[in-house]
PDB file of N, CA and C in Angstrom:
ATOM      1  N   MET A   1       8.758 -15.381 -12.325  1.00  0.00           N
ATOM      2  CA  MET A   1       9.805 -14.410 -11.226  1.00  0.00           C
ATOM      3  C   MET A   1       9.421 -13.144 -11.333  1.00  0.00           C
ATOM      4  N   VAL A   2       9.389 -12.906  -9.690  1.00  0.00           N
ATOM      5  CA  VAL A   2       8.852 -11.560  -9.422  1.00  0.00           C
ATOM      6  C   VAL A   2      10.225 -10.523  -9.223  1.00  0.00           C
ATOM      7  N   TYR A   3      10.186  -9.461  -9.686  1.00  0.00           N
ATOM      8  CA  TYR A   3      11.244  -8.239  -9.745  1.00  0.00           C
ATOM      9  C   TYR A   3      10.724  -7.180  -8.474  1.00  0.00           C
ATOM     10  N   GLU A   4      11.344  -6.815  -7.737  1.00  0.00           N
ATOM     11  CA  GLU A   4      10.646  -5.873  -6.749  1.00  0.00           C
ATOM     12  C   GLU A   4      12.074  -4.810  -6.767  1.00  0.00           C
ATOM     13  N   SER A   5      11.560  -3.823  -6.352  1.00  0.00           N
ATOM     14  CA  SER A   5      12.690  -2.506  -6.405  1.00  0.00           C
ATOM     15  C   SER A   5      12.452  -1.754  -4.770  1.00  0.00           C
ATOM     16  N   LYS A   6      13.024  -1.426  -3.903  1.00  0.00           N
ATOM     17  CA  LYS A   6      12.783  -0.668  -2.875  1.00  0.00           C
ATOM     18  C   LYS A   6      12.825   0.595  -3.043  1.00  0.00           C
ATOM     19  N   LEU A   7      11.664   1.017  -2.138  1.00  0.00           N
ATOM     20  CA  LEU A   7      11.376   2.613  -2.481  1.00  0.00           C
ATOM     21  C   LEU A   7      11.875   3.479  -1.285  1.00  0.00           C
ATOM     22  N   LYS A   8      12.843   4.015  -1.398  1.00  0.00           N
ATOM     23  CA  LYS A   8      13.461   4.583  -0.219  1.00  0.00           C
ATOM     24  C   LYS A   8      12.736   5.816   0.503  1.00  0.00           C
ATOM     25  N   SER A   9      11.937   6.400  -0.134  1.00  0.00           N
ATOM     26  CA  SER A   9      11.076   7.653   0.570  1.00  0.00           C
ATOM     27  C   SER A   9       9.697   7.604   0.099  1.00  0.00           C
ATOM     28  N   LYS A  10       8.946   8.478   0.651  1.00  0.00           N
ATOM     29  CA  LYS A  10       7.370   8.614   0.336  1.00  0.00           C
ATOM     30  C   LYS A  10       7.224   9.389  -0.442  1.00  0.00           C
ATOM     31  N   LYS A  11       7.975  10.312  -1.044  1.00  0.00           N
ATOM     32  CA  LYS A  11       8.039  10.897  -2.278  1.00  0.00           C
ATOM     33  C   LYS A  11       8.134  10.224  -3.875  1.00  0.00           C
ATOM     34  N   ARG A  12       9.089   9.147  -3.373  1.00  0.00           N
ATOM     35  CA  ARG A  12       9.290   8.210  -4.693  1.00  0.00           C
ATOM     36  C   ARG A  12       8.077   7.061  -4.644  1.00  0.00           C
ATOM     37  N   LEU A  13       7.540   6.953  -3.261  1.00  0.00           N
ATOM     38  CA  LEU A  13       6.303   6.152  -3.511  1.00  0.00           C
ATOM     39  C   LEU A  13       5.178   6.303  -3.971  1.00  0.00           C
ATOM     40  N   PHE A  14       4.774   7.907  -3.753  1.00  0.00           N
ATOM     41  CA  PHE A  14       3.778   8.455  -4.432  1.00  0.00           C
ATOM     42  C   PHE A  14       3.955   8.677  -5.507  1.00  0.00           C
ATOM     43  N   GLU A  15       4.955   8.830  -6.221  1.00  0.00           N
ATOM     44  CA  GLU A  15       5.526   9.266  -7.563  1.00  0.00           C
ATOM     45  C   GLU A  15       5.016   7.755  -8.595  1.00  0.00           C
ATOM     46  N   GLU A  16       5.475   6.202  -7.886  1.00  0.00           N
ATOM     47  CA  GLU A  16       5.118   5.208  -8.395  1.00  0.00           C
ATOM     48  C   GLU A  16       3.853   4.938  -8.341  1.00  0.00           C
ATOM     49  N   LEU A  17       3.087   5.432  -7.140  1.00  0.00           N
ATOM     50  CA  LEU A  17       1.443   5.141  -7.278  1.00  0.00           C
ATOM     51  C   LEU A  17       0.725   6.114  -8.269  1.00  0.00           C
ATOM     52  N   ARG A  18       1.575   7.096  -8.465  1.00  0.00           N
ATOM     53  CA  ARG A  18       0.504   7.769  -9.703  1.00  0.00           C
ATOM     54  C   ARG A  18       0.569   7.043 -11.167  1.00  0.00           C
ATOM     55  N   GLU A  19       1.693   6.128 -11.664  1.00  0.00           N
ATOM     56  CA  GLU A  19       1.777   5.683 -12.938  1.00  0.00           C
ATOM     57  C   GLU A  19       1.772   4.136 -12.610  1.00  0.00           C
ATOM     58  N   LEU A  20       1.260   3.649 -11.475  1.00  0.00           N
ATOM     59  CA  LEU A  20       1.347   2.159 -11.204  1.00  0.00           C
ATOM     60  C   LEU A  20       0.794   1.469 -12.191  1.00  0.00           C
ATOM     61  N   ASP A  21       1.006   0.718 -12.955  1.00  0.00           N
ATOM     62  CA  ASP A  21       0.344  -0.353 -13.946  1.00  0.00           C
ATOM     63  C   ASP A  21      -0.255  -1.380 -13.499  1.00  0.00           C
ATOM     64  N   ALA A  22      -1.188  -2.067 -14.307  1.00  0.00           N
ATOM     65  CA  ALA A  22      -2.096  -3.137 -13.865  1.00  0.00           C
ATOM     66  C   ALA A  22      -1.526  -4.138 -13.302  1.00  0.00           C
ATOM     67  N   ASP A  23      -0.320  -4.181 -13.989  1.00  0.00           N
ATOM     68  CA  ASP A  23       0.441  -5.922 -13.393  1.00  0.00           C
ATOM     69  C   ASP A  23       1.365  -5.510 -12.480  1.00  0.00           C
ATOM     70  N   ALA A  24       1.374  -4.416 -11.674  1.00  0.00           N
ATOM     71  CA  ALA A  24       2.605  -3.515 -10.927  1.00  0.00           C
ATOM     72  C   ALA A  24       1.882  -3.646  -9.397  1.00  0.00           C
ATOM     73  N   GLY A  25       2.478  -3.459  -8.237  1.00  0.00           N
ATOM     74  CA  GLY A  25       1.896  -3.325  -7.019  1.00  0.00           C
ATOM     75  C   GLY A  25       2.804  -2.681  -6.226  1.00  0.00           C
ATOM     76  N   VAL A  26       2.328  -2.442  -5.335  1.00  0.00           N
ATOM     77  CA  VAL A  26       3.626  -1.752  -3.954  1.00  0.00           C
ATOM     78  C   VAL A  26       3.030  -2.590  -2.568  1.00  0.00           C
ATOM     79  N   ARG A  27       4.291  -3.067  -1.904  1.00  0.00           N
ATOM     80  CA  ARG A  27       4.176  -3.767  -1.021  1.00  0.00           C
ATOM     81  C   ARG A  27       4.393  -2.820   0.319  1.00  0.00           C
ATOM     82  N   ALA A  28       4.154  -2.445   1.393  1.00  0.00           N
ATOM     83  CA  ALA A  28       4.552  -1.461   2.439  1.00  0.00           C
ATOM     84  C   ALA A  28       4.114  -2.139   3.860  1.00  0.00           C
ATOM     85  N   TRP A  29       4.701  -1.189   4.912  1.00  0.00           N
ATOM     86  CA  TRP A  29       4.331  -1.429   6.032  1.00  0.00           C
ATOM     87  C   TRP A  29       3.900  -0.521   7.129  1.00  0.00           C
ATOM     88  N   GLY A  30       2.757  -0.505   7.830  1.00  0.00           N
ATOM     89  CA  GLY A  30       2.206   0.771   8.146  1.00  0.00           C
ATOM     90  C   GLY A  30       1.316   0.499   9.625  1.00  0.00           C
ATOM     91  N   THR A  31       0.381   1.361   9.807  1.00  0.00           N
ATOM     92  CA  THR A  31      -0.322   0.903  10.952  1.00  0.00           C
ATOM     93  C   THR A  31      -1.513   1.256  10.657  1.00  0.00           C
ATOM     94  N   PHE A  32      -2.223   0.326  10.892  1.00  0.00           N
ATOM     95  CA  PHE A  32      -4.134   0.649  10.721  1.00  0.00           C
ATOM     96  C   PHE A  32      -4.633  -0.082  11.887  1.00  0.00           C
ATOM     97  N   ASP A  33      -5.699   0.910  12.030  1.00  0.00           N
ATOM     98  CA  ASP A  33      -6.515   0.316  13.874  1.00  0.00           C
ATOM     99  C   ASP A  33      -5.804   0.189  14.904  1.00  0.00           C
ATOM    100  N   GLY A  34      -4.529   0.934  14.842  1.00  0.00           N
ATOM    101  CA  GLY A  34      -3.679   0.432  15.846  1.00  0.00           C
ATOM    102  C   GLY A  34      -2.539  -0.754  16.157  1.00  0.00           C
ATOM    103  N   ARG A  35      -3.102  -1.317  14.592  1.00  0.00           N
ATOM    104  CA  ARG A  35      -1.846  -2.588  14.418  1.00  0.00           C
ATOM    105  C   ARG A  35      -0.986  -2.417  13.423  1.00  0.00           C
ATOM    106  N   LYS A  36       0.088  -3.197  13.793  1.00  0.00           N
ATOM    107  CA  LYS A  36       1.058  -3.029  12.796  1.00  0.00           C
ATOM    108  C   LYS A  36       0.554  -3.760  11.576  1.00  0.00           C
ATOM    109  N   SER A  37       0.778  -3.368  10.035  1.00  0.00           N
ATOM    110  CA  SER A  37       0.130  -4.010   9.278  1.00  0.00           C
ATOM    111  C   SER A  37       0.995  -3.848   7.818  1.00  0.00           C
ATOM    112  N   LEU A  38       0.632  -5.212   6.937  1.00  0.00           N
ATOM    113  CA  LEU A  38       1.281  -5.150   6.129  1.00  0.00           C
ATOM    114  C   LEU A  38       0.039  -4.564   4.886  1.00  0.00           C
ATOM    115  N   ILE A  39       0.539  -3.453   3.741  1.00  0.00           N
ATOM    116  CA  ILE A  39      -0.296  -2.650   2.859  1.00  0.00           C
ATOM    117  C   ILE A  39       0.145  -2.781   1.656  1.00  0.00           C
ATOM    118  N   PHE A  40      -1.019  -3.484   0.875  1.00  0.00           N
ATOM    119  CA  PHE A  40      -0.553  -4.016  -0.283  1.00  0.00           C
ATOM    120  C   PHE A  40      -1.618  -2.951  -1.357  1.00  0.00           C
ATOM    121  N   ILE A  41      -0.933  -2.522  -2.093  1.00  0.00           N
ATOM    122  CA  ILE A  41      -1.529  -1.265  -3.114  1.00  0.00           C
ATOM    123  C   ILE A  41      -1.394  -1.775  -4.726  1.00  0.00           C
ATOM    124  N   THR A  42      -2.592  -2.022  -5.287  1.00  0.00           N
ATOM    125  CA  THR A  42      -2.728  -2.158  -6.780  1.00  0.00           C
ATOM    126  C   THR A  42      -3.645  -1.497  -7.464  1.00  0.00           C
ATOM    127  N   ARG A  43      -3.494  -1.187  -8.789  1.00  0.00           N
ATOM    128  CA  ARG A  43      -4.202  -0.509  -9.491  1.00  0.00           C
ATOM    129  C   ARG A  43      -4.953  -0.844 -10.597  1.00  0.00           C
ATOM    130  N   HIS A  44      -6.291  -0.564 -10.940  1.00  0.00           N
ATOM    131  CA  HIS A  44      -7.127  -1.085 -12.137  1.00  0.00           C
ATOM    132  C   HIS A  44      -8.067  -0.165 -12.516  1.00  0.00           C
ATOM    133  N   SER A  45      -8.078   0.009 -13.947  1.00  0.00           N
ATOM    134  CA  SER A  45      -8.794   0.807 -14.773  1.00  0.00           C
ATOM    135  C   SER A  45      -8.995   2.187 -13.577  1.00  0.00           C
ATOM    136  N   GLY A  46      -7.856   2.847 -13.603  1.00  0.00           N
ATOM    137  CA  GLY A  46      -7.569   4.266 -12.828  1.00  0.00           C
ATOM    138  C   GLY A  46      -8.013   4.162 -11.323  1.00  0.00           C
ATOM    139  N   LYS A  47      -8.669   2.789 -10.739  1.00  0.00           N
ATOM    140  CA  LYS A  47      -9.232   2.932  -9.417  1.00  0.00           C
ATOM    141  C   LYS A  47      -8.121   2.238  -8.753  1.00  0.00           C
ATOM    142  N   TYR A  48      -8.062   2.592  -7.118  1.00  0.00           N
ATOM    143  CA  TYR A  48      -6.718   1.557  -6.322  1.00  0.00           C
ATOM    144  C   TYR A  48      -7.758   0.987  -5.387  1.00  0.00           C
ATOM    145  N   ALA A  49      -6.591  -0.227  -5.345  1.00  0.00           N
ATOM    146  CA  ALA A  49      -7.731  -1.199  -4.345  1.00  0.00           C
ATOM    147  C   ALA A  49      -5.993  -0.971  -3.517  1.00  0.00           C
ATOM    148  N   ILE A  50      -6.648  -0.724  -1.969  1.00  0.00           N
ATOM    149  CA  ILE A  50      -5.484  -1.360  -1.087  1.00  0.00           C
ATOM    150  C   ILE A  50      -6.282  -2.837   0.149  1.00  0.00           C
ATOM    151  N   TRP A  51      -5.525  -3.348   0.439  1.00  0.00           N
ATOM    152  CA  TRP A  51      -5.418  -4.569   1.236  1.00  0.00           C
ATOM    153  C   TRP A  51      -4.788  -4.401   2.497  1.00  0.00           C
ATOM    154  N   ILE A  52      -5.347  -4.742   3.375  1.00  0.00           N
ATOM    155  CA  ILE A  52      -4.251  -4.040   4.795  1.00  0.00           C
ATOM    156  C   ILE A  52      -4.532  -5.454   5.712  1.00  0.00           C
ATOM    157  N   ARG A  53      -3.425  -6.077   6.009  1.00  0.00           N
ATOM    158  CA  ARG A  53      -3.678  -7.454   6.772  1.00  0.00           C
ATOM    159  C   ARG A  53      -2.424  -7.076   7.980  1.00  0.00           C
ATOM    160  N   GLY A  54      -3.134  -7.469   9.134  1.00  0.00           N
ATOM    161  CA  GLY A  54      -2.289  -7.319  10.535  1.00  0.00           C
ATOM    162  C   GLY A  54      -1.132  -8.252  10.206  1.00  0.00           C
ATOM    163  N   VAL A  55       0.111  -7.620  10.678  1.00  0.00           N
ATOM    164  CA  VAL A  55       1.121  -8.494  10.660  1.00  0.00           C
ATOM    165  C   VAL A  55       1.077  -9.783  11.503  1.00  0.00           C
ATOM    166  N   ARG A  56       0.609  -9.467  12.617  1.00  0.00           N
ATOM    167  CA  ARG A  56       0.218 -10.767  13.757  1.00  0.00           C
ATOM    168  C   ARG A  56      -1.489 -11.046  13.398  1.00  0.00           C
ATOM    169  N   LEU A  57      -1.825 -12.110  12.451  1.00  0.00           N
ATOM    170  CA  LEU A  57      -3.277 -12.158  12.447  1.00  0.00           C
ATOM    171  C   LEU A  57      -3.628 -12.780  13.296  1.00  0.00           C
ATOM    172  N   ARG A  58      -5.240 -12.415  13.497  1.00  0.00           N
ATOM    173  CA  ARG A  58      -5.749 -13.026  14.586  1.00  0.00           C
ATOM    174  C   ARG A  58      -6.735 -14.128  14.162  1.00  0.00           C
ATOM    175  N   ARG A  59      -7.463 -14.830  14.990  1.00  0.00           N
ATOM    176  CA  ARG A  59      -8.061 -16.151  14.234  1.00  0.00           C
ATOM    177  C   ARG A  59      -9.257 -15.480  13.038  1.00  0.00           C
ATOM    178  N   GLY A  60      -8.912 -16.064  11.865  1.00  0.00           N
ATOM    179  CA  GLY A  60     -10.281 -15.887  11.463  1.00  0.00           C
ATOM    180  C   GLY A  60     -10.254 -14.195  10.319  1.00  0.00           C
ATOM    181  N   ASP A  61      -9.268 -13.618  10.782  1.00  0.00           N
ATOM    182  CA  ASP A  61      -8.950 -12.318  10.108  1.00  0.00           C
ATOM    183  C   ASP A  61      -8.358 -12.307   8.701  1.00  0.00           C
ATOM    184  N   ARG A  62      -8.852 -11.612   7.601  1.00  0.00           N
ATOM    185  CA  ARG A  62      -8.748 -11.732   6.481  1.00  0.00           C
ATOM    186  C   ARG A  62      -8.207 -10.899   5.858  1.00  0.00           C
ATOM    187  N   GLY A  63      -8.059  -9.527   7.058  1.00  0.00           N
ATOM    188  CA  GLY A  63      -7.374  -8.155   6.567  1.00  0.00           C
ATOM    189  C   GLY A  63      -9.005  -7.387   6.164  1.00  0.00           C
ATOM    190  N   SER A  64      -8.598  -6.182   6.139  1.00  0.00           N
ATOM    191  CA  SER A  64      -9.283  -4.891   5.037  1.00  0.00           C
ATOM    192  C   SER A  64      -8.989  -4.571   3.684  1.00  0.00           C
ATOM    193  N   PHE A  65     -10.058  -4.270   2.984  1.00  0.00           N
ATOM    194  CA  PHE A  65      -9.950  -3.859   1.834  1.00  0.00           C
ATOM    195  C   PHE A  65     -10.680  -2.890   1.958  1.00  0.00           C
ATOM    196  N   LYS A  66      -9.684  -1.818   0.960  1.00  0.00           N
ATOM    197  CA  LYS A  66     -10.365  -0.292   0.878  1.00  0.00           C
ATOM    198  C   LYS A  66      -9.967   0.152  -0.847  1.00  0.00           C
ATOM    199  N   ASP A  67     -11.079   0.565  -1.316  1.00  0.00           N
ATOM    200  CA  ASP A  67     -11.146   0.996  -2.936  1.00  0.00           C
ATOM    201  C   ASP A  67     -11.215   2.446  -3.000  1.00  0.00           C
ATOM    202  N   PHE A  68     -10.035   2.674  -3.519  1.00  0.00           N
ATOM    203  CA  PHE A  68     -10.094   4.458  -3.684  1.00  0.00           C
ATOM    204  C   PHE A  68     -10.239   4.880  -5.467  1.00  0.00           C
ATOM    205  N   ARG A  69     -10.920   6.044  -5.945  1.00  0.00           N
ATOM    206  CA  ARG A  69     -11.472   6.176  -6.804  1.00  0.00           C
ATOM    207  C   ARG A  69     -10.358   7.090  -7.257  1.00  0.00           C
ATOM    208  N   ASP A  70      -9.226   7.843  -6.731  1.00  0.00           N
ATOM    209  CA  ASP A  70      -8.679   8.767  -7.463  1.00  0.00           C
ATOM    210  C   ASP A  70      -7.175   8.809  -6.505  1.00  0.00           C
ATOM    211  N   TYR A  71      -6.611   9.467  -7.134  1.00  0.00           N
ATOM    212  CA  TYR A  71      -5.040   9.351  -6.231  1.00  0.00           C
ATOM    213  C   TYR A  71      -4.773  10.400  -5.283  1.00  0.00           C
ATOM    214  N   ALA A  72      -5.441  11.155  -5.163  1.00  0.00           N
ATOM    215  CA  ALA A  72      -5.464  12.206  -3.943  1.00  0.00           C
ATOM    216  C   ALA A  72      -6.395  11.419  -2.656  1.00  0.00           C
ATOM    217  N   SER A  73      -7.128  10.757  -2.981  1.00  0.00           N
ATOM    218  CA  SER A  73      -7.588   9.878  -1.740  1.00  0.00           C
ATOM    219  C   SER A  73      -6.478   8.833  -1.268  1.00  0.00           C
ATOM    220  N   VAL A  74      -6.076   8.219  -2.070  1.00  0.00           N
ATOM    221  CA  VAL A  74      -5.192   7.138  -1.664  1.00  0.00           C
ATOM    222  C   VAL A  74      -3.699   8.076  -0.990  1.00  0.00           C
ATOM    223  N   ASN A  75      -3.389   8.911  -1.414  1.00  0.00           N
ATOM    224  CA  ASN A  75      -1.994   9.884  -0.814  1.00  0.00           C
ATOM    225  C   ASN A  75      -2.464  10.187   0.536  1.00  0.00           C
ATOM    226  N   ARG A  76      -3.925  10.402   0.844  1.00  0.00           N
ATOM    227  CA  ARG A  76      -4.307  11.262   2.142  1.00  0.00           C
ATOM    228  C   ARG A  76      -4.478   9.931   2.815  1.00  0.00           C
ATOM    229  N   PHE A  77      -4.934   8.809   2.527  1.00  0.00           N
ATOM    230  CA  PHE A  77      -5.120   7.192   3.783  1.00  0.00           C
ATOM    231  C   PHE A  77      -3.347   7.012   3.615  1.00  0.00           C
ATOM    232  N   LEU A  78      -2.805   6.939   2.825  1.00  0.00           N
ATOM    233  CA  LEU A  78      -1.307   6.343   3.129  1.00  0.00           C
ATOM    234  C   LEU A  78      -0.217   7.172   3.922  1.00  0.00           C
ATOM    235  N   SER A  79      -0.750   8.228   3.587  1.00  0.00           N
ATOM    236  CA  SER A  79       0.557   9.723   4.594  1.00  0.00           C
ATOM    237  C   SER A  79       0.033   9.181   5.830  1.00  0.00           C
ATOM    238  N   SER A  80      -1.153   8.822   6.426  1.00  0.00           N
ATOM    239  CA  SER A  80      -1.488   8.881   7.908  1.00  0.00           C
ATOM    240  C   SER A  80      -1.310   7.385   8.292  1.00  0.00           C
ATOM    241  N   THR A  81      -0.856   6.771   7.448  1.00  0.00           N
ATOM    242  CA  THR A  81      -0.717   5.237   7.569  1.00  0.00           C
ATOM    243  C   THR A  81       0.394   4.637   7.405  1.00  0.00           C
ATOM    244  N   LEU A  82       1.196   4.642   6.470  1.00  0.00           N
ATOM    245  CA  LEU A  82       2.573   4.345   6.592  1.00  0.00           C
ATOM    246  C   LEU A  82       3.720   4.567   7.488  1.00  0.00           C
ATOM    247  N   ASP A  83       4.697   3.781   7.844  1.00  0.00           N
ATOM    248  CA  ASP A  83       5.747   3.859   8.812  1.00  0.00           C
ATOM    249  C   ASP A  83       6.760   4.915   8.176  1.00  0.00           C
ATOM    250  N   THR A  84       7.411   5.364   9.243  1.00  0.00           N
ATOM    251  CA  THR A  84       8.178   6.489   9.135  1.00  0.00           C
ATOM    252  C   THR A  84       9.315   5.857   9.890  1.00  0.00           C
ATOM    253  N   PRO A  85      10.515   5.571   9.296  1.00  0.00           N
ATOM    254  CA  PRO A  85      10.741   5.900   7.762  1.00  0.00           C
ATOM    255  C   PRO A  85      10.580   4.713   7.069  1.00  0.00           C
ATOM    256  N   ILE A  86      10.100   5.041   6.141  1.00  0.00           N
ATOM    257  CA  ILE A  86       9.361   4.085   5.017  1.00  0.00           C
ATOM    258  C   ILE A  86      10.011   2.761   4.463  1.00  0.00           C
ATOM    259  N   LYS A  87       8.897   1.856   4.580  1.00  0.00           N
ATOM    260  CA  LYS A  87       9.345   0.272   3.900  1.00  0.00           C
ATOM    261  C   LYS A  87       8.325  -0.107   3.054  1.00  0.00           C
ATOM    262  N   ALA A  88       8.966   0.127   2.070  1.00  0.00           N
ATOM    263  CA  ALA A  88       7.823  -0.322   1.052  1.00  0.00           C
ATOM    264  C   ALA A  88       8.913  -0.713  -0.351  1.00  0.00           C
ATOM    265  N   TYR A  89       8.196  -1.949  -1.104  1.00  0.00           N
ATOM    266  CA  TYR A  89       8.668  -2.066  -2.415  1.00  0.00           C
ATOM    267  C   TYR A  89       7.676  -2.423  -3.747  1.00  0.00           C
ATOM    268  N   LEU A  90       8.295  -1.641  -4.755  1.00  0.00           N
ATOM    269  CA  LEU A  90       7.612  -1.690  -6.138  1.00  0.00           C
ATOM    270  C   LEU A  90       7.649  -3.267  -6.350  1.00  0.00           C
ATOM    271  N   TYR A  91       6.688  -3.776  -7.037  1.00  0.00           N
ATOM    272  CA  TYR A  91       6.822  -5.351  -7.536  1.00  0.00           C
ATOM    273  C   TYR A  91       5.947  -5.167  -9.061  1.00  0.00           C
TER     274      TYR A  91
END
């Protein structure tokens, strides 16, 4: 069973990302390359991995992957990508 909790602000989301466990992740909505997208964020060995998938998949679209070595880079990327008001869940 998967448990999730709603993240009600960007501040709360970024606090959770800083301390994200290897068996946890964040699911959020945003805009990437001009398309409404689902954004999945995980962390492993101190690095962050982000998978971005368009809400309406085009044929053959498997999404985009981005890796970040540090929290500051993730913060900058997500600050310009996430929707406002925020819609995100910690799982």
